[in-house]
Amino acid sequence: MVVDLVIKLVNHGISPEFMDTIERLTKEHYRKCMEQRFKEMVASKGLEAVQSQINDLDWESTFFVRHRPVSNIAEVPDLEDEYRKTMKEFAAQLEKLAELQM
């Protein structure tokens, strides 16, 4: 049995604008990945005439980022430089937040 636990942390000190940037970049990354998979599927099935647009994206995790003890952000394939830099900063801010709670 798998149980998902979702905890919402408010007043965490990470700016809403920064969170909006993370959400935007994550959605862009996810959309590009899904579009690429769709194109590969279309090509493999010989359906070149089929066109589709991917909408209503959920911005949940599409990959695993490890910050400590050694970051793996450089190893995650297909990330834009801006996204890689933003995720690295986000991990650093989360680390600071966790240290405040200790």
N, C-alpha and C. Protein backbone atom coordinates (compact mmCIF):
# COMPACT_ATOMS: atom_id res chain seq x y z
N MET A 1 0.84 -1.16 0.00
CA MET A 1 0.00 0.00 0.00
C MET A 1 0.89 1.23 0.00
N VAL A 2 0.54 2.22 -0.82
CA VAL A 2 1.28 3.48 -0.90
C VAL A 2 0.39 4.58 -0.34
N VAL A 3 0.95 5.36 0.55
CA VAL A 3 0.22 6.48 1.13
C VAL A 3 1.00 7.75 0.87
N ASP A 4 0.36 8.74 0.28
CA ASP A 4 0.98 10.04 0.06
C ASP A 4 0.58 10.96 1.19
N LEU A 5 1.56 11.63 1.74
CA LEU A 5 1.32 12.61 2.79
C LEU A 5 1.71 13.97 2.24
N VAL A 6 0.79 14.89 2.24
CA VAL A 6 1.06 16.23 1.74
C VAL A 6 0.98 17.20 2.91
N ILE A 7 2.06 17.94 3.08
CA ILE A 7 2.11 18.94 4.14
C ILE A 7 2.29 20.29 3.47
N LYS A 8 1.46 21.23 3.84
CA LYS A 8 1.56 22.57 3.28
C LYS A 8 2.17 23.47 4.34
N LEU A 9 3.29 24.08 3.99
CA LEU A 9 3.98 24.98 4.90
C LEU A 9 3.71 26.41 4.45
N VAL A 10 3.18 27.22 5.35
CA VAL A 10 2.90 28.62 5.04
C VAL A 10 3.84 29.51 5.84
N ASN A 11 3.96 30.77 5.40
CA ASN A 11 4.84 31.74 6.05
C ASN A 11 6.26 31.21 6.20
N HIS A 12 6.76 30.60 5.14
CA HIS A 12 8.09 29.97 5.17
C HIS A 12 9.21 30.93 4.80
N GLY A 13 8.87 32.10 4.31
CA GLY A 13 9.90 33.09 4.00
C GLY A 13 10.43 33.04 2.59
N ILE A 14 10.03 32.07 1.80
CA ILE A 14 10.43 32.03 0.40
C ILE A 14 9.41 32.87 -0.37
N SER A 15 9.89 33.82 -1.12
CA SER A 15 8.99 34.81 -1.74
C SER A 15 8.00 34.15 -2.70
N PRO A 16 6.79 34.67 -2.74
CA PRO A 16 5.79 34.15 -3.69
C PRO A 16 6.27 34.29 -5.14
N GLU A 17 7.02 35.36 -5.43
CA GLU A 17 7.52 35.55 -6.78
C GLU A 17 8.51 34.44 -7.16
N PHE A 18 9.36 34.06 -6.21
CA PHE A 18 10.31 32.98 -6.47
C PHE A 18 9.57 31.66 -6.65
N MET A 19 8.57 31.42 -5.83
CA MET A 19 7.76 30.20 -5.98
C MET A 19 7.05 30.18 -7.33
N ASP A 20 6.57 31.35 -7.77
CA ASP A 20 5.94 31.44 -9.10
C ASP A 20 6.93 31.10 -10.20
N THR A 21 8.19 31.56 -10.04
CA THR A 21 9.23 31.25 -11.03
C THR A 21 9.50 29.76 -11.07
N ILE A 22 9.58 29.14 -9.91
CA ILE A 22 9.79 27.69 -9.85
C ILE A 22 8.65 26.96 -10.53
N GLU A 23 7.44 27.37 -10.25
CA GLU A 23 6.28 26.73 -10.87
C GLU A 23 6.30 26.90 -12.39
N ARG A 24 6.59 28.11 -12.85
CA ARG A 24 6.63 28.38 -14.30
C ARG A 24 7.69 27.52 -14.98
N LEU A 25 8.91 27.51 -14.43
CA LEU A 25 10.00 26.74 -15.02
C LEU A 25 9.72 25.24 -14.99
N THR A 26 9.10 24.77 -13.92
CA THR A 26 8.77 23.35 -13.81
C THR A 26 7.73 22.96 -14.85
N LYS A 27 6.71 23.78 -15.01
CA LYS A 27 5.69 23.51 -16.03
C LYS A 27 6.29 23.51 -17.43
N GLU A 28 7.19 24.48 -17.70
CA GLU A 28 7.84 24.53 -19.01
C GLU A 28 8.66 23.26 -19.25
N HIS A 29 9.40 22.85 -18.24
CA HIS A 29 10.22 21.64 -18.37
C HIS A 29 9.34 20.41 -18.62
N TYR A 30 8.29 20.28 -17.83
CA TYR A 30 7.40 19.13 -17.96
C TYR A 30 6.73 19.11 -19.33
N ARG A 31 6.29 20.28 -19.79
CA ARG A 31 5.64 20.37 -21.11
C ARG A 31 6.61 19.94 -22.21
N LYS A 32 7.86 20.40 -22.15
CA LYS A 32 8.85 20.02 -23.16
C LYS A 32 9.09 18.52 -23.15
N CYS A 33 9.19 17.94 -21.95
CA CYS A 33 9.39 16.49 -21.85
C CYS A 33 8.22 15.73 -22.44
N MET A 34 7.00 16.14 -22.12
CA MET A 34 5.82 15.46 -22.63
C MET A 34 5.70 15.63 -24.13
N GLU A 35 6.00 16.83 -24.64
CA GLU A 35 5.94 17.05 -26.08
C GLU A 35 6.96 16.18 -26.80
N GLN A 36 8.17 16.06 -26.24
CA GLN A 36 9.19 15.22 -26.86
C GLN A 36 8.76 13.76 -26.87
N ARG A 37 8.22 13.29 -25.74
CA ARG A 37 7.74 11.90 -25.69
C ARG A 37 6.63 11.66 -26.71
N PHE A 38 5.73 12.66 -26.84
CA PHE A 38 4.64 12.55 -27.80
C PHE A 38 5.19 12.47 -29.22
N LYS A 39 6.15 13.33 -29.55
CA LYS A 39 6.74 13.33 -30.88
C LYS A 39 7.42 11.99 -31.17
N GLU A 40 8.12 11.45 -30.17
CA GLU A 40 8.78 10.15 -30.35
C GLU A 40 7.76 9.04 -30.57
N MET A 41 6.65 9.10 -29.83
CA MET A 41 5.61 8.10 -29.99
C MET A 41 4.96 8.21 -31.38
N VAL A 42 4.69 9.44 -31.81
CA VAL A 42 4.09 9.65 -33.13
C VAL A 42 5.02 9.11 -34.22
N ALA A 43 6.30 9.42 -34.11
CA ALA A 43 7.27 8.97 -35.12
C ALA A 43 7.37 7.44 -35.12
N SER A 44 7.37 6.82 -33.95
CA SER A 44 7.50 5.37 -33.88
C SER A 44 6.26 4.65 -34.40
N LYS A 45 5.11 5.30 -34.34
CA LYS A 45 3.87 4.68 -34.80
C LYS A 45 3.52 5.07 -36.23
N GLY A 46 4.35 5.94 -36.83
CA GLY A 46 4.07 6.37 -38.20
C GLY A 46 2.85 7.26 -38.29
N LEU A 47 2.63 8.08 -37.29
CA LEU A 47 1.44 8.94 -37.25
C LEU A 47 1.84 10.41 -37.44
N GLU A 48 2.70 10.68 -38.41
CA GLU A 48 3.24 12.03 -38.59
C GLU A 48 2.15 13.10 -38.76
N ALA A 49 1.00 12.73 -39.26
CA ALA A 49 -0.06 13.70 -39.50
C ALA A 49 -0.79 14.10 -38.22
N VAL A 50 -0.58 13.34 -37.16
CA VAL A 50 -1.27 13.62 -35.90
C VAL A 50 -0.60 14.80 -35.21
N GLN A 51 -1.41 15.73 -34.76
CA GLN A 51 -0.88 16.86 -33.99
C GLN A 51 -1.66 16.96 -32.69
N SER A 52 -0.98 17.39 -31.66
CA SER A 52 -1.65 17.53 -30.37
C SER A 52 -0.96 18.61 -29.58
N GLN A 53 -1.68 19.16 -28.63
CA GLN A 53 -1.13 20.15 -27.72
C GLN A 53 -1.34 19.64 -26.31
N ILE A 54 -0.33 19.75 -25.49
CA ILE A 54 -0.41 19.27 -24.12
C ILE A 54 -0.83 20.43 -23.23
N ASN A 55 -1.95 20.27 -22.56
CA ASN A 55 -2.49 21.31 -21.69
C ASN A 55 -2.71 20.76 -20.29
N ASP A 56 -3.11 21.64 -19.38
CA ASP A 56 -3.51 21.25 -18.03
C ASP A 56 -2.41 20.43 -17.35
N LEU A 57 -1.21 21.01 -17.29
CA LEU A 57 -0.08 20.31 -16.70
C LEU A 57 -0.08 20.43 -15.19
N ASP A 58 0.24 19.35 -14.54
CA ASP A 58 0.43 19.34 -13.11
C ASP A 58 1.92 19.50 -12.86
N TRP A 59 2.32 20.38 -11.96
CA TRP A 59 3.75 20.66 -11.80
C TRP A 59 4.38 19.88 -10.66
N GLU A 60 3.90 18.69 -10.41
CA GLU A 60 4.54 17.84 -9.43
C GLU A 60 5.89 17.38 -9.96
N SER A 61 6.64 16.72 -9.11
CA SER A 61 8.00 16.32 -9.45
C SER A 61 8.05 15.52 -10.74
N THR A 62 8.99 15.90 -11.60
CA THR A 62 9.23 15.15 -12.82
C THR A 62 10.61 14.52 -12.79
N PHE A 63 11.37 14.80 -11.75
CA PHE A 63 12.70 14.24 -11.57
C PHE A 63 13.08 14.40 -10.10
N PHE A 64 14.15 13.75 -9.69
CA PHE A 64 14.57 13.79 -8.31
C PHE A 64 15.80 14.67 -8.19
N VAL A 65 15.75 15.69 -7.33
CA VAL A 65 16.89 16.56 -7.09
C VAL A 65 17.39 16.30 -5.68
N ARG A 66 18.67 15.98 -5.61
CA ARG A 66 19.32 15.78 -4.31
C ARG A 66 20.24 16.97 -4.07
N HIS A 67 20.12 17.60 -2.91
CA HIS A 67 20.95 18.76 -2.59
C HIS A 67 22.10 18.37 -1.67
N ARG A 68 21.84 17.48 -0.75
CA ARG A 68 22.86 17.06 0.22
C ARG A 68 22.97 15.56 0.26
N PRO A 69 24.07 14.93 0.51
CA PRO A 69 25.36 15.56 0.79
C PRO A 69 26.02 16.13 -0.46
N VAL A 70 25.69 15.60 -1.64
CA VAL A 70 26.25 16.12 -2.89
C VAL A 70 25.09 16.35 -3.86
N SER A 71 25.01 17.53 -4.42
CA SER A 71 23.94 17.85 -5.35
C SER A 71 24.05 17.04 -6.63
N ASN A 72 22.90 16.64 -7.17
CA ASN A 72 22.87 15.93 -8.45
C ASN A 72 22.26 16.79 -9.56
N ILE A 73 22.05 18.07 -9.31
CA ILE A 73 21.36 18.93 -10.28
C ILE A 73 22.09 18.97 -11.62
N ALA A 74 23.42 18.86 -11.60
CA ALA A 74 24.18 18.88 -12.86
C ALA A 74 23.97 17.59 -13.66
N GLU A 75 23.53 16.53 -13.00
CA GLU A 75 23.35 15.24 -13.66
C GLU A 75 21.96 15.04 -14.25
N VAL A 76 21.01 15.89 -13.89
CA VAL A 76 19.64 15.75 -14.39
C VAL A 76 19.63 16.19 -15.85
N PRO A 77 19.26 15.30 -16.77
CA PRO A 77 19.32 15.64 -18.19
C PRO A 77 18.22 16.61 -18.63
N ASP A 78 18.51 17.31 -19.68
CA ASP A 78 17.51 18.14 -20.38
C ASP A 78 16.97 19.30 -19.56
N LEU A 79 17.73 19.84 -18.62
CA LEU A 79 17.29 21.02 -17.88
C LEU A 79 17.90 22.26 -18.50
N GLU A 80 17.08 23.27 -18.66
CA GLU A 80 17.58 24.56 -19.14
C GLU A 80 18.47 25.15 -18.04
N ASP A 81 19.45 25.97 -18.43
CA ASP A 81 20.37 26.56 -17.47
C ASP A 81 19.63 27.39 -16.41
N GLU A 82 18.62 28.17 -16.84
CA GLU A 82 17.86 28.99 -15.89
C GLU A 82 17.16 28.10 -14.85
N TYR A 83 16.60 27.00 -15.31
CA TYR A 83 15.90 26.09 -14.41
C TYR A 83 16.88 25.44 -13.43
N ARG A 84 18.02 25.00 -13.94
CA ARG A 84 19.05 24.38 -13.11
C ARG A 84 19.49 25.35 -12.00
N LYS A 85 19.75 26.60 -12.39
CA LYS A 85 20.19 27.63 -11.44
C LYS A 85 19.10 27.91 -10.41
N THR A 86 17.85 28.00 -10.86
CA THR A 86 16.73 28.29 -9.95
C THR A 86 16.51 27.15 -8.97
N MET A 87 16.59 25.91 -9.44
CA MET A 87 16.41 24.76 -8.55
C MET A 87 17.53 24.69 -7.52
N LYS A 88 18.74 25.06 -7.92
CA LYS A 88 19.87 25.07 -6.98
C LYS A 88 19.62 26.11 -5.88
N GLU A 89 19.13 27.28 -6.27
CA GLU A 89 18.80 28.32 -5.29
C GLU A 89 17.64 27.89 -4.39
N PHE A 90 16.65 27.24 -4.96
CA PHE A 90 15.51 26.76 -4.19
C PHE A 90 15.96 25.75 -3.13
N ALA A 91 16.84 24.83 -3.53
CA ALA A 91 17.36 23.84 -2.58
C ALA A 91 18.12 24.54 -1.44
N ALA A 92 18.88 25.58 -1.78
CA ALA A 92 19.62 26.31 -0.75
C ALA A 92 18.66 27.02 0.21
N GLN A 93 17.58 27.59 -0.33
CA GLN A 93 16.60 28.24 0.54
C GLN A 93 15.87 27.24 1.43
N LEU A 94 15.56 26.06 0.88
CA LEU A 94 14.92 25.02 1.69
C LEU A 94 15.85 24.54 2.80
N GLU A 95 17.13 24.45 2.49
CA GLU A 95 18.11 24.05 3.50
C GLU A 95 18.14 25.06 4.65
N LYS A 96 18.16 26.34 4.30
CA LYS A 96 18.14 27.38 5.34
C LYS A 96 16.88 27.28 6.18
N LEU A 97 15.76 27.04 5.53
CA LEU A 97 14.49 26.88 6.24
C LEU A 97 14.55 25.69 7.20
N ALA A 98 15.09 24.59 6.75
CA ALA A 98 15.21 23.40 7.61
C ALA A 98 16.12 23.67 8.80
N GLU A 99 17.19 24.42 8.60
CA GLU A 99 18.10 24.74 9.68
C GLU A 99 17.43 25.62 10.74
N LEU A 100 16.50 26.45 10.33
CA LEU A 100 15.78 27.29 11.28
C LEU A 100 14.94 26.46 12.23
N GLN A 101 14.48 25.31 11.78
CA GLN A 101 13.59 24.46 12.56
C GLN A 101 14.34 23.53 13.49
N MET A 102 15.65 23.49 13.40
CA MET A 102 16.43 22.56 14.23
C MET A 102 16.77 23.15 15.56
